[in-house]
Amino acid sequence: MSASKQENTGQQGNTGKQGNATKQGNKVARTAERKRLRNRLVRRSVKTCMGKAKSSVDAGEESASQKTMLAISSVDKAVSKGIIHRNKGARLKSRLMKKLNKK
């Protein structure tokens, strides 16, 4: 198998690496890669904030409500950017508030 055929085996994450037939195809691949990286960053920060809030609620810390509000804010920002679906955002916020109000 030649080197060019090995590159085009359909590996994920190589959107900018594969040669497209047109300039527009190359541009679409570049912008998709930028968006993918930005979305991944935002999703990761949401997960981090949610995890910190959950652990502080479970531990019964005084700062649990502040961390919960920060997590809810990060979820709302991700929803407004279209990175997380609005129903998933509502579900995450609901579960977090339910856990906070039990303590």
Protein backbone atom coordinates (compact mmCIF):
# COMPACT_ATOMS: atom_id res chain seq x y z
CA MET A 1 0.00 0.00 0.00
CA SER A 2 1.36 3.42 -0.88
CA ALA A 3 1.93 6.17 1.66
CA SER A 4 -0.97 8.28 0.37
CA LYS A 5 -3.44 5.42 0.77
CA GLN A 6 -2.31 4.81 4.33
CA GLU A 7 -3.13 8.39 5.29
CA ASN A 8 -6.68 8.24 3.92
CA THR A 9 -7.83 5.23 5.94
CA GLY A 10 -10.55 7.24 7.68
CA GLN A 11 -8.83 7.97 10.96
CA GLN A 12 -10.75 10.36 13.16
CA GLY A 13 -9.22 13.67 14.13
CA ASN A 14 -7.26 14.12 10.92
CA THR A 15 -9.72 16.45 9.21
CA GLY A 16 -7.02 18.98 8.33
CA LYS A 17 -4.48 16.36 7.27
CA GLN A 18 -6.35 14.68 4.43
CA GLY A 19 -6.01 16.25 1.01
CA ASN A 20 -9.29 17.59 -0.31
CA ALA A 21 -10.05 18.12 -3.97
CA THR A 22 -10.89 21.82 -3.67
CA LYS A 23 -9.74 24.90 -1.81
CA GLN A 24 -13.20 25.15 -0.26
CA GLY A 25 -12.91 21.60 1.03
CA ASN A 26 -9.60 22.45 2.67
CA LYS A 27 -11.13 25.54 4.26
CA VAL A 28 -14.10 23.59 5.60
CA ALA A 29 -11.73 21.03 7.10
CA ARG A 30 -9.66 23.74 8.79
CA THR A 31 -12.68 25.52 10.27
CA ALA A 32 -14.19 22.22 11.43
CA GLU A 33 -10.96 21.39 13.25
CA ARG A 34 -10.91 24.81 14.95
CA LYS A 35 -14.51 24.43 16.05
CA ARG A 36 -13.89 20.89 17.28
CA LEU A 37 -10.99 22.02 19.46
CA ARG A 38 -12.94 25.00 20.84
CA ASN A 39 -15.98 22.85 21.60
CA ARG A 40 -13.83 20.25 23.32
CA LEU A 41 -12.30 22.94 25.53
CA VAL A 42 -15.71 24.28 26.57
CA ARG A 43 -17.16 20.80 27.22
CA ARG A 44 -14.14 19.93 29.36
CA SER A 45 -14.49 23.11 31.44
CA VAL A 46 -18.20 22.35 31.99
CA LYS A 47 -17.33 18.84 33.17
CA THR A 48 -14.66 20.22 35.49
CA CYS A 49 -17.01 22.78 37.05
CA MET A 50 -19.74 20.17 37.45
CA GLY A 51 -17.35 17.74 39.12
CA LYS A 52 -16.06 20.36 41.55
CA ALA A 53 -19.61 21.38 42.42
CA LYS A 54 -20.75 17.79 42.96
CA SER A 55 -17.78 16.94 45.16
CA SER A 56 -18.24 20.07 47.29
CA VAL A 57 -21.95 19.31 47.72
CA ASP A 58 -21.18 15.72 48.73
CA ALA A 59 -18.55 16.90 51.20
CA GLY A 60 -20.97 19.45 52.67
CA GLU A 61 -18.63 22.40 52.16
CA GLU A 62 -19.84 25.95 52.73
CA SER A 63 -18.68 26.97 49.26
CA ALA A 64 -20.96 24.37 47.63
CA SER A 65 -23.59 26.91 46.59
CA GLN A 66 -20.97 29.19 45.00
CA LYS A 67 -19.44 26.31 43.07
CA THR A 68 -22.91 25.20 42.01
CA MET A 69 -23.72 28.65 40.66
CA LEU A 70 -20.42 28.70 38.79
CA ALA A 71 -21.20 25.29 37.27
CA ILE A 72 -24.69 26.41 36.26
CA SER A 73 -23.22 29.51 34.65
CA SER A 74 -20.73 27.44 32.65
CA VAL A 75 -23.52 25.12 31.48
CA ASP A 76 -25.63 28.10 30.40
CA LYS A 77 -22.71 29.53 28.41
CA ALA A 78 -22.13 26.21 26.65
CA VAL A 79 -25.84 25.95 25.82
CA SER A 80 -25.94 29.49 24.45
CA LYS A 81 -22.95 28.71 22.21
CA GLY A 82 -24.68 25.57 20.94
CA ILE A 83 -22.02 23.21 22.28
CA ILE A 84 -24.42 21.39 24.60
CA HIS A 85 -28.06 20.75 23.73
CA ARG A 86 -30.48 22.83 25.79
CA ASN A 87 -32.23 19.75 27.20
CA LYS A 88 -28.94 18.29 28.37
CA GLY A 89 -28.04 21.61 29.96
CA ALA A 90 -31.38 21.71 31.78
CA ARG A 91 -30.91 18.12 32.93
CA LEU A 92 -27.42 18.82 34.30
CA LYS A 93 -28.57 21.92 36.16
CA SER A 94 -31.63 20.14 37.54
CA ARG A 95 -29.63 17.21 38.89
CA LEU A 96 -27.06 19.50 40.45
CA MET A 97 -29.68 21.69 42.15
CA LYS A 98 -31.54 18.61 43.35
CA LYS A 99 -28.35 17.32 44.96
CA LEU A 100 -27.61 20.72 46.51
CA ASN A 101 -31.09 21.10 47.99
CA LYS A 102 -30.98 17.64 49.61
CA LYS A 103 -28.05 18.61 51.81
